[in-house]
């Protein structure tokens, strides 16, 4: 659980493609490569990384960083800082 990141608005903010590798297509590619899933919960506003806990802890830095980037742009709060 990455916390309440206004999931609906956050997802809408992420472009389909991005020249710096931070688009929805890039996110889906990372999900497939890492065997994890990013879940945007429209009801609670939370964003979840779903998959093997050890893999999420050790291998999902780029994915977390991308989500943090867009969340920071929306709210000024970096999810990595809590």
PDB file of N, CA and C in Angstrom:
ATOM      1  N   UNK A   1       0.852  -1.178   0.000  1.00  0.00           N
ATOM      2  CA  UNK A   1       0.000   0.000   0.000  1.00  0.00           C
ATOM      3  C   UNK A   1       0.895   1.237   0.000  1.00  0.00           C
ATOM      4  N   UNK A   2       0.836   1.993  -1.066  1.00  0.00           N
ATOM      5  CA  UNK A   2       1.622   3.222  -1.170  1.00  0.00           C
ATOM      6  C   UNK A   2       0.893   4.406  -0.546  1.00  0.00           C
ATOM      7  N   UNK A   3      -0.316   4.154  -0.062  1.00  0.00           N
ATOM      8  CA  UNK A   3      -1.061   5.197   0.628  1.00  0.00           C
ATOM      9  C   UNK A   3      -2.071   5.887  -0.258  1.00  0.00           C
ATOM     10  N   UNK A   4      -2.758   6.845   0.347  1.00  0.00           N
ATOM     11  CA  UNK A   4      -3.771   7.602  -0.375  1.00  0.00           C
ATOM     12  C   UNK A   4      -3.079   8.608  -1.273  1.00  0.00           C
ATOM     13  N   UNK A   5      -3.124   8.327  -2.558  1.00  0.00           N
ATOM     14  CA  UNK A   5      -2.462   9.170  -3.550  1.00  0.00           C
ATOM     15  C   UNK A   5      -3.471   9.762  -4.525  1.00  0.00           C
ATOM     16  N   UNK A   6      -4.764   9.801  -4.141  1.00  0.00           N
ATOM     17  CA  UNK A   6      -5.826  10.231  -5.045  1.00  0.00           C
ATOM     18  C   UNK A   6      -5.711   9.439  -6.351  1.00  0.00           C
ATOM     19  N   UNK A   7      -5.877   8.135  -6.225  1.00  0.00           N
ATOM     20  CA  UNK A   7      -5.606   7.175  -7.294  1.00  0.00           C
ATOM     21  C   UNK A   7      -6.242   7.541  -8.627  1.00  0.00           C
ATOM     22  N   UNK A   8      -7.476   7.974  -8.633  1.00  0.00           N
ATOM     23  CA  UNK A   8      -8.155   8.284  -9.887  1.00  0.00           C
ATOM     24  C   UNK A   8      -7.466   9.437 -10.607  1.00  0.00           C
ATOM     25  N   UNK A   9      -7.222  10.514  -9.891  1.00  0.00           N
ATOM     26  CA  UNK A   9      -6.558  11.670 -10.484  1.00  0.00           C
ATOM     27  C   UNK A   9      -5.119  11.335 -10.866  1.00  0.00           C
ATOM     28  N   UNK A  10      -4.446  10.568 -10.036  1.00  0.00           N
ATOM     29  CA  UNK A  10      -3.068  10.178 -10.325  1.00  0.00           C
ATOM     30  C   UNK A  10      -3.001   9.410 -11.642  1.00  0.00           C
ATOM     31  N   UNK A  11      -3.870   8.430 -11.806  1.00  0.00           N
ATOM     32  CA  UNK A  11      -3.857   7.634 -13.042  1.00  0.00           C
ATOM     33  C   UNK A  11      -4.120   8.513 -14.256  1.00  0.00           C
ATOM     34  N   UNK A  12      -5.043   9.445 -14.129  1.00  0.00           N
ATOM     35  CA  UNK A  12      -5.370  10.345 -15.241  1.00  0.00           C
ATOM     36  C   UNK A  12      -4.200  11.273 -15.590  1.00  0.00           C
ATOM     37  N   UNK A  13      -3.319  11.518 -14.640  1.00  0.00           N
ATOM     38  CA  UNK A  13      -2.182  12.403 -14.834  1.00  0.00           C
ATOM     39  C   UNK A  13      -1.047  11.736 -15.597  1.00  0.00           C
ATOM     40  N   UNK A  14      -0.951  10.424 -15.524  1.00  0.00           N
ATOM     41  CA  UNK A  14       0.139   9.695 -16.168  1.00  0.00           C
ATOM     42  C   UNK A  14      -0.157   9.590 -17.672  1.00  0.00           C
ATOM     43  N   UNK A  15       0.735  10.137 -18.522  1.00  0.00           N
ATOM     44  CA  UNK A  15       0.496  10.062 -19.968  1.00  0.00           C
ATOM     45  C   UNK A  15       0.635   8.631 -20.477  1.00  0.00           C
ATOM     46  N   UNK A  16      -0.013   8.336 -21.580  1.00  0.00           N
ATOM     47  CA  UNK A  16       0.087   6.993 -22.170  1.00  0.00           C
ATOM     48  C   UNK A  16       1.536   6.674 -22.524  1.00  0.00           C
ATOM     49  N   UNK A  17       2.217   7.621 -23.148  1.00  0.00           N
ATOM     50  CA  UNK A  17       3.631   7.448 -23.467  1.00  0.00           C
ATOM     51  C   UNK A  17       4.393   8.661 -22.963  1.00  0.00           C
ATOM     52  N   UNK A  18       5.661   8.449 -22.654  1.00  0.00           N
ATOM     53  CA  UNK A  18       6.500   9.520 -22.117  1.00  0.00           C
ATOM     54  C   UNK A  18       7.926   9.283 -22.614  1.00  0.00           C
ATOM     55  N   UNK A  19       8.555  10.316 -23.116  1.00  0.00           N
ATOM     56  CA  UNK A  19       9.900  10.162 -23.686  1.00  0.00           C
ATOM     57  C   UNK A  19      10.943   9.766 -22.651  1.00  0.00           C
ATOM     58  N   UNK A  20      10.637   9.958 -21.365  1.00  0.00           N
ATOM     59  CA  UNK A  20      11.583   9.613 -20.307  1.00  0.00           C
ATOM     60  C   UNK A  20      11.238   8.290 -19.622  1.00  0.00           C
ATOM     61  N   UNK A  21      10.335   7.520 -20.213  1.00  0.00           N
ATOM     62  CA  UNK A  21      10.023   6.199 -19.674  1.00  0.00           C
ATOM     63  C   UNK A  21       9.096   6.211 -18.477  1.00  0.00           C
ATOM     64  N   UNK A  22       8.221   7.231 -18.407  1.00  0.00           N
ATOM     65  CA  UNK A  22       7.331   7.330 -17.253  1.00  0.00           C
ATOM     66  C   UNK A  22       5.859   7.349 -17.658  1.00  0.00           C
ATOM     67  N   UNK A  23       5.508   6.694 -18.741  1.00  0.00           N
ATOM     68  CA  UNK A  23       4.125   6.654 -19.185  1.00  0.00           C
ATOM     69  C   UNK A  23       3.423   5.376 -18.750  1.00  0.00           C
ATOM     70  N   UNK A  24       2.130   5.318 -19.046  1.00  0.00           N
ATOM     71  CA  UNK A  24       1.339   4.130 -18.706  1.00  0.00           C
ATOM     72  C   UNK A  24       1.910   2.897 -19.398  1.00  0.00           C
ATOM     73  N   UNK A  25       2.310   3.042 -20.663  1.00  0.00           N
ATOM     74  CA  UNK A  25       2.887   1.906 -21.384  1.00  0.00           C
ATOM     75  C   UNK A  25       4.156   1.405 -20.686  1.00  0.00           C
ATOM     76  N   UNK A  26       4.975   2.336 -20.184  1.00  0.00           N
ATOM     77  CA  UNK A  26       6.191   1.961 -19.456  1.00  0.00           C
ATOM     78  C   UNK A  26       5.847   1.260 -18.143  1.00  0.00           C
ATOM     79  N   UNK A  27       4.812   1.768 -17.466  1.00  0.00           N
ATOM     80  CA  UNK A  27       4.381   1.163 -16.206  1.00  0.00           C
ATOM     81  C   UNK A  27       3.914  -0.276 -16.454  1.00  0.00           C
ATOM     82  N   UNK A  28       3.135  -0.485 -17.494  1.00  0.00           N
ATOM     83  CA  UNK A  28       2.642  -1.835 -17.807  1.00  0.00           C
ATOM     84  C   UNK A  28       3.806  -2.767 -18.156  1.00  0.00           C
ATOM     85  N   UNK A  29       4.801  -2.240 -18.864  1.00  0.00           N
ATOM     86  CA  UNK A  29       5.980  -3.031 -19.202  1.00  0.00           C
ATOM     87  C   UNK A  29       6.743  -3.440 -17.940  1.00  0.00           C
ATOM     88  N   UNK A  30       6.895  -2.507 -16.994  1.00  0.00           N
ATOM     89  CA  UNK A  30       7.575  -2.815 -15.737  1.00  0.00           C
ATOM     90  C   UNK A  30       6.794  -3.848 -14.936  1.00  0.00           C
ATOM     91  N   UNK A  31       5.467  -3.711 -14.927  1.00  0.00           N
ATOM     92  CA  UNK A  31       4.625  -4.683 -14.221  1.00  0.00           C
ATOM     93  C   UNK A  31       4.876  -6.090 -14.770  1.00  0.00           C
ATOM     94  N   UNK A  32       4.884  -6.199 -16.080  1.00  0.00           N
ATOM     95  CA  UNK A  32       5.070  -7.502 -16.711  1.00  0.00           C
ATOM     96  C   UNK A  32       6.458  -8.056 -16.400  1.00  0.00           C
ATOM     97  N   UNK A  33       7.482  -7.227 -16.526  1.00  0.00           N
ATOM     98  CA  UNK A  33       8.859  -7.649 -16.280  1.00  0.00           C
ATOM     99  C   UNK A  33       9.059  -8.107 -14.832  1.00  0.00           C
ATOM    100  N   UNK A  34       8.419  -7.403 -13.872  1.00  0.00           N
ATOM    101  CA  UNK A  34       8.607  -7.684 -12.456  1.00  0.00           C
ATOM    102  C   UNK A  34       7.565  -8.640 -11.871  1.00  0.00           C
ATOM    103  N   UNK A  35       6.558  -9.006 -12.669  1.00  0.00           N
ATOM    104  CA  UNK A  35       5.458  -9.864 -12.213  1.00  0.00           C
ATOM    105  C   UNK A  35       4.732  -9.245 -11.022  1.00  0.00           C
ATOM    106  N   UNK A  36       4.445  -7.958 -11.132  1.00  0.00           N
ATOM    107  CA  UNK A  36       3.666  -7.242 -10.126  1.00  0.00           C
ATOM    108  C   UNK A  36       2.553  -6.479 -10.846  1.00  0.00           C
ATOM    109  N   UNK A  37       1.651  -5.918 -10.077  1.00  0.00           N
ATOM    110  CA  UNK A  37       0.536  -5.151 -10.641  1.00  0.00           C
ATOM    111  C   UNK A  37       0.352  -3.885  -9.821  1.00  0.00           C
ATOM    112  N   UNK A  38       0.172  -2.766 -10.509  1.00  0.00           N
ATOM    113  CA  UNK A  38      -0.166  -1.511  -9.840  1.00  0.00           C
ATOM    114  C   UNK A  38      -1.686  -1.412  -9.859  1.00  0.00           C
ATOM    115  N   UNK A  39      -2.279  -1.238  -8.683  1.00  0.00           N
ATOM    116  CA  UNK A  39      -3.732  -1.138  -8.566  1.00  0.00           C
ATOM    117  C   UNK A  39      -4.088   0.257  -8.077  1.00  0.00           C
ATOM    118  N   UNK A  40      -4.903   0.948  -8.855  1.00  0.00           N
ATOM    119  CA  UNK A  40      -5.395   2.276  -8.502  1.00  0.00           C
ATOM    120  C   UNK A  40      -6.814   2.097  -7.967  1.00  0.00           C
ATOM    121  N   UNK A  41      -6.989   2.186  -6.654  1.00  0.00           N
ATOM    122  CA  UNK A  41      -8.288   1.973  -6.010  1.00  0.00           C
ATOM    123  C   UNK A  41      -9.075   3.284  -6.022  1.00  0.00           C
ATOM    124  N   UNK A  42     -10.072   3.349  -6.882  1.00  0.00           N
ATOM    125  CA  UNK A  42     -10.868   4.564  -7.030  1.00  0.00           C
ATOM    126  C   UNK A  42     -11.726   4.860  -5.799  1.00  0.00           C
ATOM    127  N   UNK A  43     -12.062   3.844  -5.023  1.00  0.00           N
ATOM    128  CA  UNK A  43     -12.925   4.027  -3.853  1.00  0.00           C
ATOM    129  C   UNK A  43     -12.162   4.683  -2.703  1.00  0.00           C
ATOM    130  N   UNK A  44     -10.978   4.143  -2.390  1.00  0.00           N
ATOM    131  CA  UNK A  44     -10.221   4.657  -1.244  1.00  0.00           C
ATOM    132  C   UNK A  44      -9.184   5.708  -1.635  1.00  0.00           C
ATOM    133  N   UNK A  45      -8.831   5.762  -2.930  1.00  0.00           N
ATOM    134  CA  UNK A  45      -7.797   6.683  -3.375  1.00  0.00           C
ATOM    135  C   UNK A  45      -6.398   6.132  -3.217  1.00  0.00           C
ATOM    136  N   UNK A  46      -6.287   4.917  -2.677  1.00  0.00           N
ATOM    137  CA  UNK A  46      -4.976   4.319  -2.447  1.00  0.00           C
ATOM    138  C   UNK A  46      -4.429   3.688  -3.728  1.00  0.00           C
ATOM    139  N   UNK A  47      -3.104   3.600  -3.777  1.00  0.00           N
ATOM    140  CA  UNK A  47      -2.415   2.906  -4.859  1.00  0.00           C
ATOM    141  C   UNK A  47      -1.661   1.748  -4.223  1.00  0.00           C
ATOM    142  N   UNK A  48      -1.810   0.575  -4.817  1.00  0.00           N
ATOM    143  CA  UNK A  48      -1.193  -0.634  -4.274  1.00  0.00           C
ATOM    144  C   UNK A  48      -0.238  -1.254  -5.292  1.00  0.00           C
ATOM    145  N   UNK A  49       0.860  -1.809  -4.801  1.00  0.00           N
ATOM    146  CA  UNK A  49       1.706  -2.693  -5.596  1.00  0.00           C
ATOM    147  C   UNK A  49       1.382  -4.100  -5.122  1.00  0.00           C
ATOM    148  N   UNK A  50       0.935  -4.938  -6.037  1.00  0.00           N
ATOM    149  CA  UNK A  50       0.495  -6.279  -5.686  1.00  0.00           C
ATOM    150  C   UNK A  50       1.436  -7.291  -6.320  1.00  0.00           C
ATOM    151  N   UNK A  51       1.917  -8.205  -5.503  1.00  0.00           N
ATOM    152  CA  UNK A  51       2.810  -9.250  -5.976  1.00  0.00           C
ATOM    153  C   UNK A  51       3.620  -9.784  -4.809  1.00  0.00           C
ATOM    154  N   UNK A  52       4.675 -10.507  -5.123  1.00  0.00           N
ATOM    155  CA  UNK A  52       5.557 -11.074  -4.111  1.00  0.00           C
ATOM    156  C   UNK A  52       6.191  -9.953  -3.287  1.00  0.00           C
ATOM    157  N   UNK A  53       6.024 -10.008  -1.976  1.00  0.00           N
ATOM    158  CA  UNK A  53       6.490  -8.932  -1.087  1.00  0.00           C
ATOM    159  C   UNK A  53       7.990  -8.681  -1.207  1.00  0.00           C
ATOM    160  N   UNK A  54       8.787  -9.734  -1.284  1.00  0.00           N
ATOM    161  CA  UNK A  54      10.237  -9.557  -1.390  1.00  0.00           C
ATOM    162  C   UNK A  54      10.616  -8.901  -2.707  1.00  0.00           C
ATOM    163  N   UNK A  55       9.940  -9.289  -3.780  1.00  0.00           N
ATOM    164  CA  UNK A  55      10.221  -8.695  -5.081  1.00  0.00           C
ATOM    165  C   UNK A  55       9.841  -7.220  -5.083  1.00  0.00           C
ATOM    166  N   UNK A  56       8.694  -6.899  -4.486  1.00  0.00           N
ATOM    167  CA  UNK A  56       8.258  -5.506  -4.417  1.00  0.00           C
ATOM    168  C   UNK A  56       9.262  -4.680  -3.620  1.00  0.00           C
ATOM    169  N   UNK A  57       9.722  -5.233  -2.518  1.00  0.00           N
ATOM    170  CA  UNK A  57      10.665  -4.524  -1.653  1.00  0.00           C
ATOM    171  C   UNK A  57      12.003  -4.268  -2.351  1.00  0.00           C
ATOM    172  N   UNK A  58      12.477  -5.252  -3.113  1.00  0.00           N
ATOM    173  CA  UNK A  58      13.827  -5.160  -3.673  1.00  0.00           C
ATOM    174  C   UNK A  58      13.894  -4.715  -5.129  1.00  0.00           C
ATOM    175  N   UNK A  59      12.851  -4.940  -5.913  1.00  0.00           N
ATOM    176  CA  UNK A  59      12.959  -4.752  -7.360  1.00  0.00           C
ATOM    177  C   UNK A  59      12.076  -3.647  -7.947  1.00  0.00           C
ATOM    178  N   UNK A  60      11.229  -3.032  -7.159  1.00  0.00           N
ATOM    179  CA  UNK A  60      10.239  -2.107  -7.719  1.00  0.00           C
ATOM    180  C   UNK A  60      10.587  -0.636  -7.518  1.00  0.00           C
ATOM    181  N   UNK A  61      11.870  -0.336  -7.343  1.00  0.00           N
ATOM    182  CA  UNK A  61      12.259   1.048  -7.120  1.00  0.00           C
ATOM    183  C   UNK A  61      11.826   1.955  -8.271  1.00  0.00           C
ATOM    184  N   UNK A  62      12.076   1.551  -9.505  1.00  0.00           N
ATOM    185  CA  UNK A  62      11.734   2.394 -10.663  1.00  0.00           C
ATOM    186  C   UNK A  62      10.226   2.624 -10.752  1.00  0.00           C
ATOM    187  N   UNK A  63       9.465   1.605 -10.452  1.00  0.00           N
ATOM    188  CA  UNK A  63       8.009   1.722 -10.491  1.00  0.00           C
ATOM    189  C   UNK A  63       7.516   2.667  -9.400  1.00  0.00           C
ATOM    190  N   UNK A  64       8.033   2.514  -8.203  1.00  0.00           N
ATOM    191  CA  UNK A  64       7.672   3.422  -7.098  1.00  0.00           C
ATOM    192  C   UNK A  64       8.095   4.849  -7.416  1.00  0.00           C
ATOM    193  N   UNK A  65       9.278   4.982  -8.002  1.00  0.00           N
ATOM    194  CA  UNK A  65       9.798   6.297  -8.344  1.00  0.00           C
ATOM    195  C   UNK A  65       8.895   6.998  -9.359  1.00  0.00           C
ATOM    196  N   UNK A  66       8.419   6.251 -10.352  1.00  0.00           N
ATOM    197  CA  UNK A  66       7.535   6.826 -11.356  1.00  0.00           C
ATOM    198  C   UNK A  66       6.227   7.306 -10.721  1.00  0.00           C
ATOM    199  N   UNK A  67       5.634   6.467  -9.885  1.00  0.00           N
ATOM    200  CA  UNK A  67       4.385   6.854  -9.221  1.00  0.00           C
ATOM    201  C   UNK A  67       4.619   8.045  -8.301  1.00  0.00           C
ATOM    202  N   UNK A  68       5.733   8.052  -7.610  1.00  0.00           N
ATOM    203  CA  UNK A  68       6.085   9.158  -6.727  1.00  0.00           C
ATOM    204  C   UNK A  68       6.236  10.454  -7.513  1.00  0.00           C
ATOM    205  N   UNK A  69       6.828  10.368  -8.696  1.00  0.00           N
ATOM    206  CA  UNK A  69       7.022  11.543  -9.553  1.00  0.00           C
ATOM    207  C   UNK A  69       5.684  12.222  -9.863  1.00  0.00           C
ATOM    208  N   UNK A  70       4.724  11.427 -10.313  1.00  0.00           N
ATOM    209  CA  UNK A  70       3.422  12.004 -10.661  1.00  0.00           C
ATOM    210  C   UNK A  70       2.643  12.433  -9.425  1.00  0.00           C
ATOM    211  N   UNK A  71       2.765  11.696  -8.332  1.00  0.00           N
ATOM    212  CA  UNK A  71       2.088  12.098  -7.102  1.00  0.00           C
ATOM    213  C   UNK A  71       2.661  13.419  -6.600  1.00  0.00           C
ATOM    214  N   UNK A  72       3.970  13.559  -6.657  1.00  0.00           N
ATOM    215  CA  UNK A  72       4.630  14.804  -6.252  1.00  0.00           C
ATOM    216  C   UNK A  72       4.130  15.966  -7.108  1.00  0.00           C
ATOM    217  N   UNK A  73       3.993  15.739  -8.398  1.00  0.00           N
ATOM    218  CA  UNK A  73       3.510  16.799  -9.289  1.00  0.00           C
ATOM    219  C   UNK A  73       2.083  17.206  -8.932  1.00  0.00           C
ATOM    220  N   UNK A  74       1.294  16.257  -8.464  1.00  0.00           N
ATOM    221  CA  UNK A  74      -0.093  16.563  -8.088  1.00  0.00           C
ATOM    222  C   UNK A  74      -0.185  17.269  -6.732  1.00  0.00           C
ATOM    223  N   UNK A  75       0.616  16.828  -5.768  1.00  0.00           N
ATOM    224  CA  UNK A  75       0.397  17.283  -4.403  1.00  0.00           C
ATOM    225  C   UNK A  75       1.594  17.921  -3.716  1.00  0.00           C
ATOM    226  N   UNK A  76       2.755  17.794  -4.303  1.00  0.00           N
ATOM    227  CA  UNK A  76       3.952  18.325  -3.658  1.00  0.00           C
ATOM    228  C   UNK A  76       4.499  17.411  -2.582  1.00  0.00           C
ATOM    229  N   UNK A  77       3.951  16.195  -2.453  1.00  0.00           N
ATOM    230  CA  UNK A  77       4.405  15.248  -1.442  1.00  0.00           C
ATOM    231  C   UNK A  77       5.008  14.041  -2.120  1.00  0.00           C
ATOM    232  N   UNK A  78       6.259  13.729  -1.810  1.00  0.00           N
ATOM    233  CA  UNK A  78       6.944  12.575  -2.368  1.00  0.00           C
ATOM    234  C   UNK A  78       6.592  11.338  -1.551  1.00  0.00           C
ATOM    235  N   UNK A  79       5.992  10.335  -2.186  1.00  0.00           N
ATOM    236  CA  UNK A  79       5.569   9.128  -1.489  1.00  0.00           C
ATOM    237  C   UNK A  79       6.755   8.399  -0.868  1.00  0.00           C
ATOM    238  N   UNK A  80       7.945   8.538  -1.455  1.00  0.00           N
ATOM    239  CA  UNK A  80       9.128   7.876  -0.913  1.00  0.00           C
ATOM    240  C   UNK A  80       9.511   8.441   0.453  1.00  0.00           C
ATOM    241  N   UNK A  81       9.100   9.659   0.732  1.00  0.00           N
ATOM    242  CA  UNK A  81       9.408  10.283   2.014  1.00  0.00           C
ATOM    243  C   UNK A  81       8.337  10.018   3.046  1.00  0.00           C
ATOM    244  N   UNK A  82       7.221   9.421   2.611  1.00  0.00           N
ATOM    245  CA  UNK A  82       6.160   9.071   3.547  1.00  0.00           C
ATOM    246  C   UNK A  82       5.319  10.255   3.798  1.00  0.00           C
TER     247      UNK A  82
END
